[in-house]
Amino acid sequence: MQTIGSYEAKTRLPELLRQVAQGEQFTITRRGVPVARIVGVEDSVEDRRAIIERMKAARAQRPSIPVRELLDARDRGRKP
């Protein structure tokens, strides 16, 4: 991982983003102190599928509430 000062990162951002897209990573420093990292986004179809499956599993563990009951609860909080 390369280290780069904040001013230089600001002036070279398009170039840094191209390098990040190719797998590079950067630590941005301010006065020599690390303050941020620029890393690529790792987003894959498998990650999204796993998240959806976890959401489905969590939803299956909750009790089902009839729609009418939800609407009644909503309406009780409204002013006439």
C-alpha atoms as a PDB file:
ATOM      1  CA  MET A   1       0.000   0.000   0.000  1.00  0.00           C
ATOM      2  CA  GLN A   2       1.402   3.345  -1.032  1.00  0.00           C
ATOM      3  CA  THR A   3       1.293   6.457   1.150  1.00  0.00           C
ATOM      4  CA  ILE A   4       0.405   9.848  -0.287  1.00  0.00           C
ATOM      5  CA  GLY A   5      -0.098  13.301   1.247  1.00  0.00           C
ATOM      6  CA  SER A   6      -3.578  14.832   1.194  1.00  0.00           C
ATOM      7  CA  TYR A   7      -2.615  17.717  -1.105  1.00  0.00           C
ATOM      8  CA  GLU A   8      -0.991  15.391  -3.615  1.00  0.00           C
ATOM      9  CA  ALA A   9      -3.984  13.025  -3.424  1.00  0.00           C
ATOM     10  CA  LYS A  10      -6.311  15.925  -4.184  1.00  0.00           C
ATOM     11  CA  THR A  11      -4.319  17.062  -7.187  1.00  0.00           C
ATOM     12  CA  ARG A  12      -3.825  13.526  -8.568  1.00  0.00           C
ATOM     13  CA  LEU A  13      -7.235  12.027  -7.734  1.00  0.00           C
ATOM     14  CA  PRO A  14      -8.207  10.905 -11.273  1.00  0.00           C
ATOM     15  CA  GLU A  15      -4.866   9.122 -11.651  1.00  0.00           C
ATOM     16  CA  LEU A  16      -5.171   7.525  -8.215  1.00  0.00           C
ATOM     17  CA  LEU A  17      -8.671   6.272  -9.022  1.00  0.00           C
ATOM     18  CA  ARG A  18      -7.393   4.630 -12.207  1.00  0.00           C
ATOM     19  CA  GLN A  19      -4.688   2.875 -10.197  1.00  0.00           C
ATOM     20  CA  VAL A  20      -7.185   1.808  -7.532  1.00  0.00           C
ATOM     21  CA  ALA A  21      -9.378   0.303 -10.247  1.00  0.00           C
ATOM     22  CA  GLN A  22      -6.345  -1.795 -11.187  1.00  0.00           C
ATOM     23  CA  GLY A  23      -5.919  -3.066  -7.616  1.00  0.00           C
ATOM     24  CA  GLU A  24      -3.634  -0.480  -6.006  1.00  0.00           C
ATOM     25  CA  GLN A  25      -4.371   0.874  -2.515  1.00  0.00           C
ATOM     26  CA  PHE A  26      -3.323   4.193  -0.993  1.00  0.00           C
ATOM     27  CA  THR A  27      -3.078   5.593   2.517  1.00  0.00           C
ATOM     28  CA  ILE A  28      -3.675   9.343   2.639  1.00  0.00           C
ATOM     29  CA  THR A  29      -1.789  11.288   5.273  1.00  0.00           C
ATOM     30  CA  ARG A  30      -2.131  14.760   6.707  1.00  0.00           C
ATOM     31  CA  ARG A  31       1.160  16.068   8.069  1.00  0.00           C
ATOM     32  CA  GLY A  32       2.486  12.517   8.093  1.00  0.00           C
ATOM     33  CA  VAL A  33      -0.447  11.063  10.052  1.00  0.00           C
ATOM     34  CA  PRO A  34      -2.628   8.499   8.251  1.00  0.00           C
ATOM     35  CA  VAL A  35      -6.212   9.780   7.949  1.00  0.00           C
ATOM     36  CA  ALA A  36      -7.838   7.756   5.156  1.00  0.00           C
ATOM     37  CA  ARG A  37      -7.452   4.911   2.685  1.00  0.00           C
ATOM     38  CA  ILE A  38      -8.431   4.635  -0.938  1.00  0.00           C
ATOM     39  CA  VAL A  39      -9.205   1.032  -1.834  1.00  0.00           C
ATOM     40  CA  GLY A  40     -11.207  -0.570  -4.596  1.00  0.00           C
ATOM     41  CA  VAL A  41     -14.780  -1.648  -4.117  1.00  0.00           C
ATOM     42  CA  GLU A  42     -15.182  -5.372  -4.023  1.00  0.00           C
ATOM     43  CA  ASP A  43     -18.707  -6.006  -5.190  1.00  0.00           C
ATOM     44  CA  SER A  44     -19.655  -9.303  -6.647  1.00  0.00           C
ATOM     45  CA  VAL A  45     -22.874 -11.054  -7.476  1.00  0.00           C
ATOM     46  CA  GLU A  46     -22.025 -13.684  -4.857  1.00  0.00           C
ATOM     47  CA  ASP A  47     -21.765 -11.022  -2.134  1.00  0.00           C
ATOM     48  CA  ARG A  48     -25.166  -9.622  -3.055  1.00  0.00           C
ATOM     49  CA  ARG A  49     -26.725 -13.078  -3.141  1.00  0.00           C
ATOM     50  CA  ALA A  50     -25.328 -13.876   0.304  1.00  0.00           C
ATOM     51  CA  ILE A  51     -26.758 -10.630   1.700  1.00  0.00           C
ATOM     52  CA  ILE A  52     -30.173 -11.361   0.191  1.00  0.00           C
ATOM     53  CA  GLU A  53     -30.151 -14.860   1.663  1.00  0.00           C
ATOM     54  CA  ARG A  54     -29.301 -13.485   5.126  1.00  0.00           C
ATOM     55  CA  MET A  55     -32.157 -10.993   4.823  1.00  0.00           C
ATOM     56  CA  LYS A  56     -34.578 -13.750   3.827  1.00  0.00           C
ATOM     57  CA  ALA A  57     -33.466 -15.913   6.753  1.00  0.00           C
ATOM     58  CA  ALA A  58     -33.897 -13.043   9.212  1.00  0.00           C
ATOM     59  CA  ARG A  59     -37.348 -12.268   7.820  1.00  0.00           C
ATOM     60  CA  ALA A  60     -38.411 -15.920   8.119  1.00  0.00           C
ATOM     61  CA  GLN A  61     -37.645 -15.848  11.850  1.00  0.00           C
ATOM     62  CA  ARG A  62     -40.063 -12.975  12.478  1.00  0.00           C
ATOM     63  CA  PRO A  63     -43.767 -13.588  13.039  1.00  0.00           C
ATOM     64  CA  SER A  64     -46.076 -12.654  10.186  1.00  0.00           C
ATOM     65  CA  ILE A  65     -48.348  -9.656  10.828  1.00  0.00           C
ATOM     66  CA  PRO A  66     -51.551  -9.312   8.803  1.00  0.00           C
ATOM     67  CA  VAL A  67     -51.678  -6.253   6.533  1.00  0.00           C
ATOM     68  CA  ARG A  68     -54.903  -5.025   8.155  1.00  0.00           C
ATOM     69  CA  GLU A  69     -53.181  -4.991  11.562  1.00  0.00           C
ATOM     70  CA  LEU A  70     -50.271  -2.957  10.175  1.00  0.00           C
ATOM     71  CA  LEU A  71     -52.633  -0.435   8.569  1.00  0.00           C
ATOM     72  CA  ASP A  72     -54.663  -0.101  11.781  1.00  0.00           C
ATOM     73  CA  ALA A  73     -51.471   0.561  13.767  1.00  0.00           C
ATOM     74  CA  ARG A  74     -50.433   3.170  11.216  1.00  0.00           C
ATOM     75  CA  ASP A  75     -53.813   4.895  11.298  1.00  0.00           C
ATOM     76  CA  ARG A  76     -53.964   5.045  15.112  1.00  0.00           C
ATOM     77  CA  GLY A  77     -50.965   7.389  15.075  1.00  0.00           C
ATOM     78  CA  ARG A  78     -52.545   9.811  12.603  1.00  0.00           C
ATOM     79  CA  LYS A  79     -54.607  12.848  13.472  1.00  0.00           C
ATOM     80  CA  PRO A  80     -58.178  12.869  12.116  1.00  0.00           C
END
